[in-house]
Amino acid sequence: MKIVKAKWLDAATRNDVAVDIREAMDEPLVVAETIGYLLFKDKERTIISSFIFPAQKEIDRITGYKTIHIIPTGAIIKIKELKEV
């Protein structure tokens, strides 16, 4: 399983005060970074988990995942494979 660092554009929501459309158009998009295990990637979505529970026994073939990030692939600026230590 690949370990990756993804840099991506996150969506923004303003609900604290009334916002003029011109202000909203000038609002910068937030650049986010996620580091974790690349579980899935296609042209629509990229799924990264930063927490896994590996299967413990031969009988237990299911690996559990926690802290899942489902990122629209089109929002990803850059994705880089990291070396495992």
Protein backbone atom coordinates (compact mmCIF):
# COMPACT_ATOMS: atom_id res chain seq x y z
CA MET A 1 0.00 0.00 0.00
CA LYS A 2 1.45 3.38 -1.01
CA ILE A 3 2.00 6.18 1.50
CA VAL A 4 1.39 9.56 -0.11
CA LYS A 5 1.31 13.29 0.56
CA ALA A 6 -1.51 15.05 -1.28
CA LYS A 7 -1.73 18.82 -1.68
CA TRP A 8 -5.26 19.87 -2.61
CA LEU A 9 -7.73 22.76 -2.72
CA ASP A 10 -10.32 22.60 0.03
CA ALA A 11 -13.78 24.11 -0.25
CA ALA A 12 -14.65 27.18 1.82
CA THR A 13 -17.90 28.01 3.60
CA ARG A 14 -18.80 31.42 5.00
CA ASN A 15 -21.78 31.39 7.30
CA ASP A 16 -20.74 33.73 10.11
CA VAL A 17 -21.96 36.96 8.44
CA ALA A 18 -23.74 38.08 5.28
CA VAL A 19 -21.25 38.10 2.40
CA ASP A 20 -21.38 40.13 -0.77
CA ILE A 21 -20.82 38.03 -3.91
CA ARG A 22 -17.76 40.15 -4.78
CA GLU A 23 -16.22 39.26 -1.40
CA ALA A 24 -16.95 35.59 -2.00
CA MET A 25 -15.32 35.74 -5.42
CA ASP A 26 -12.16 37.22 -3.85
CA GLU A 27 -12.04 34.65 -1.04
CA PRO A 28 -8.87 32.56 -1.49
CA LEU A 29 -9.24 28.80 -1.62
CA VAL A 30 -7.53 26.96 1.22
CA VAL A 31 -4.65 24.68 0.29
CA ALA A 32 -4.72 21.53 2.42
CA GLU A 33 -2.24 18.69 2.78
CA THR A 34 -3.03 15.10 3.71
CA ILE A 35 -0.50 12.37 4.43
CA GLY A 36 -1.58 8.75 4.59
CA TYR A 37 -2.24 5.45 2.87
CA LEU A 38 -3.58 5.73 -0.67
CA LEU A 39 -6.60 3.40 -0.64
CA PHE A 40 -8.20 4.31 -3.96
CA LYS A 41 -7.86 6.77 -6.83
CA ASP A 42 -9.82 7.27 -10.03
CA LYS A 43 -10.74 10.34 -12.09
CA GLU A 44 -13.55 11.25 -9.66
CA ARG A 45 -12.18 10.65 -6.15
CA THR A 46 -8.98 9.95 -4.24
CA ILE A 47 -9.28 8.18 -0.88
CA ILE A 48 -6.51 8.47 1.71
CA SER A 49 -6.52 7.04 5.24
CA SER A 50 -4.16 8.32 7.90
CA PHE A 51 -4.98 5.49 10.32
CA ILE A 52 -5.18 1.76 9.61
CA PHE A 53 -5.82 -1.39 11.61
CA PRO A 54 -3.90 -4.15 9.78
CA ALA A 55 -5.38 -7.63 9.79
CA GLN A 56 -4.14 -9.39 12.95
CA LYS A 57 -4.48 -13.06 11.95
CA GLU A 58 -4.60 -15.07 8.79
CA ILE A 59 -8.34 -15.57 9.41
CA ASP A 60 -8.86 -11.80 9.87
CA ARG A 61 -8.33 -10.72 6.27
CA ILE A 62 -10.07 -7.36 6.65
CA THR A 63 -8.01 -4.27 7.33
CA GLY A 64 -9.89 -1.50 9.12
CA TYR A 65 -9.49 2.17 8.24
CA LYS A 66 -10.07 5.31 10.28
CA THR A 67 -9.72 9.02 9.46
CA ILE A 68 -10.68 8.67 5.80
CA HIS A 69 -10.24 11.62 3.45
CA ILE A 70 -12.35 11.46 0.29
CA ILE A 71 -10.91 14.17 -1.93
CA PRO A 72 -12.25 15.09 -5.38
CA THR A 73 -9.39 14.10 -7.69
CA GLY A 74 -9.86 17.34 -9.66
CA ALA A 75 -9.06 19.32 -6.49
CA ILE A 76 -5.64 17.71 -6.10
CA ILE A 77 -2.75 20.00 -7.00
CA LYS A 78 -0.02 17.44 -6.43
CA ILE A 79 0.32 13.93 -5.03
CA LYS A 80 3.69 12.44 -4.14
CA GLU A 81 4.56 8.93 -3.02
CA LEU A 82 6.58 8.88 0.22
CA LYS A 83 9.14 6.28 1.18
CA GLU A 84 8.25 4.00 4.07
CA VAL A 85 10.73 3.98 6.96
